Protein backbone atom coordinates (compact mmCIF):
# COMPACT_ATOMS: atom_id res chain seq x y z
CA UNK A 1 84.49 -68.05 87.68
CA UNK A 2 85.19 -69.10 91.22
CA UNK A 3 86.73 -72.57 91.20
CA UNK A 4 86.29 -73.06 87.47
CA UNK A 5 88.70 -72.88 84.58
CA UNK A 6 87.93 -71.74 81.05
CA UNK A 7 89.09 -73.90 78.15
CA UNK A 8 88.67 -72.80 74.52
CA UNK A 9 89.60 -75.18 71.71
CA UNK A 10 89.89 -74.44 67.98
CA UNK A 11 87.15 -71.79 68.11
CA UNK A 12 85.97 -70.41 64.77
CA UNK A 13 83.58 -67.45 65.03
CA UNK A 14 81.96 -64.78 62.87
CA UNK A 15 80.71 -61.65 64.65
CA UNK A 16 77.14 -62.33 63.46
CA UNK A 17 75.26 -64.74 61.23
CA UNK A 18 76.31 -64.35 57.59
CA UNK A 19 79.38 -62.21 58.37
CA UNK A 20 82.91 -63.32 57.49
CA UNK A 21 84.78 -65.39 60.08
CA UNK A 22 87.14 -63.22 62.15
CA UNK A 23 88.39 -65.79 64.67
CA UNK A 24 90.14 -68.88 63.33
CA UNK A 25 91.31 -71.72 65.58
CA UNK A 26 91.41 -69.81 68.88
CA UNK A 27 92.75 -72.07 71.64
CA UNK A 28 93.64 -71.18 75.21
CA UNK A 29 93.22 -72.17 78.86
CA UNK A 30 92.46 -69.63 81.53
CA UNK A 31 93.09 -70.65 85.13
CA UNK A 32 90.40 -70.14 87.73
CA UNK A 33 90.80 -67.13 90.02
CA UNK A 34 93.16 -65.35 87.63
CA UNK A 35 92.91 -62.29 85.42
CA UNK A 36 92.85 -62.38 81.63
CA UNK A 37 93.35 -59.36 79.37
CA UNK A 38 92.51 -59.30 75.68
CA UNK A 39 94.64 -56.89 73.70
CA UNK A 40 94.52 -56.10 70.02
CA UNK A 41 93.85 -53.50 67.41
CA UNK A 42 90.36 -52.42 66.44
CA UNK A 43 88.74 -55.21 64.45
CA UNK A 44 91.05 -57.92 65.79
CA UNK A 45 88.12 -59.93 67.20
CA UNK A 46 88.27 -59.12 70.94
CA UNK A 47 84.57 -58.31 71.20
CA UNK A 48 83.62 -61.25 68.98
CA UNK A 49 85.53 -63.61 71.29
CA UNK A 50 83.83 -62.17 74.38
CA UNK A 51 80.42 -62.41 72.71
CA UNK A 52 81.13 -66.08 71.87
CA UNK A 53 82.23 -66.87 75.43
CA UNK A 54 79.06 -65.26 76.79
CA UNK A 55 76.91 -67.18 74.29
CA UNK A 56 75.74 -64.07 72.45
CA UNK A 57 77.11 -65.43 69.17
CA UNK A 58 77.34 -69.12 68.30
CA UNK A 59 80.75 -70.42 67.15
CA UNK A 60 80.84 -72.21 63.83
CA UNK A 61 83.18 -74.82 65.25
CA UNK A 62 85.37 -75.52 68.24
CA UNK A 63 84.44 -75.77 71.89
CA UNK A 64 84.12 -73.71 75.05
CA UNK A 65 84.26 -75.36 78.48
CA UNK A 66 83.74 -73.66 81.84
CA UNK A 67 85.05 -76.11 84.39
CA UNK A 68 83.66 -79.49 83.40
CA UNK A 69 80.62 -77.93 81.69
CA UNK A 70 80.49 -77.80 77.88
CA UNK A 71 79.03 -74.44 76.80
CA UNK A 72 79.63 -74.78 73.04
CA UNK A 73 80.71 -77.68 70.83
CA UNK A 74 79.58 -81.14 69.70
CA UNK A 75 76.08 -79.86 68.89
CA UNK A 76 75.74 -78.10 72.27
CA UNK A 77 75.03 -74.38 72.64
CA UNK A 78 74.11 -73.22 76.14
CA UNK A 79 71.96 -70.09 76.03
CA UNK A 80 73.55 -66.88 77.40
CA UNK A 81 71.21 -66.71 80.39
CA UNK A 82 72.13 -70.27 81.42
CA UNK A 83 75.92 -69.81 81.26
CA UNK A 84 76.55 -67.67 84.33
CA UNK A 85 79.05 -65.71 82.22
CA UNK A 86 78.78 -61.95 81.89
CA UNK A 87 80.32 -59.28 79.72
CA UNK A 88 80.25 -55.53 80.26
CA UNK A 89 81.10 -53.66 77.08
CA UNK A 90 83.01 -50.38 77.20
CA UNK A 91 81.27 -47.05 77.31
CA UNK A 92 77.78 -48.32 77.99
CA UNK A 93 76.73 -47.79 81.58
CA UNK A 94 73.76 -49.77 82.77
CA UNK A 95 72.35 -46.70 84.47
CA UNK A 96 74.21 -43.39 84.11
CA UNK A 97 72.96 -42.10 87.49
CA UNK A 98 74.70 -44.95 89.40
CA UNK A 99 78.35 -45.10 90.45
CA UNK A 100 80.59 -48.05 89.55
CA UNK A 101 80.09 -49.33 93.12
CA UNK A 102 76.31 -49.07 92.78
CA UNK A 103 76.46 -51.14 89.57
CA UNK A 104 78.57 -53.82 91.30
CA UNK A 105 76.22 -53.86 94.30
CA UNK A 106 73.26 -54.35 91.96
CA UNK A 107 75.00 -57.24 90.17
CA UNK A 108 75.88 -58.90 93.49
CA UNK A 109 72.29 -58.66 94.70
CA UNK A 110 70.89 -59.89 91.37
CA UNK A 111 73.25 -62.88 91.17
CA UNK A 112 72.91 -63.92 94.80
CA UNK A 113 76.70 -63.81 95.22
CA UNK A 114 76.49 -61.11 97.86
CA UNK A 115 73.96 -58.83 99.42
CA UNK A 116 75.35 -55.75 97.71
CA UNK A 117 76.70 -54.31 100.94
CA UNK A 118 79.60 -51.89 100.75
CA UNK A 119 81.94 -54.60 102.12
CA UNK A 120 80.87 -56.99 99.34
CA UNK A 121 81.48 -54.31 96.71
CA UNK A 122 84.90 -53.43 98.10
CA UNK A 123 85.87 -57.12 98.19
CA UNK A 124 85.03 -57.47 94.48
CA UNK A 125 86.88 -54.26 93.60
CA UNK A 126 89.91 -55.61 95.50
CA UNK A 127 89.61 -58.96 93.73
CA UNK A 128 89.75 -57.48 90.23
CA UNK A 129 92.12 -54.63 91.03
């Protein structure tokens, strides 16, 4: 999210179509270039929130802005592949034969952010701690 801030307003989300709503009125701002941690018990809605931010599930109401770009709200729903937002869920490696560094290098090459060189990978590891 280099140079962009995340703003979530009054988000109401169910984990999938037809399921009960698990997130009610979620509102927060997340500053660019900072770290955000979601903590909560199993079933609290952490994964549902991440899926909504990534566009994998459509909120029933509320809005999501990334910088000045509206991703969800007011009849707008930007498709996941057009958001430039990614989520990596726990316990599911992309390819079990690759190291964490190899996965980051692949993502850097695929996104055009870096060339996937060891220095690029180490810079991203340093950035996220």
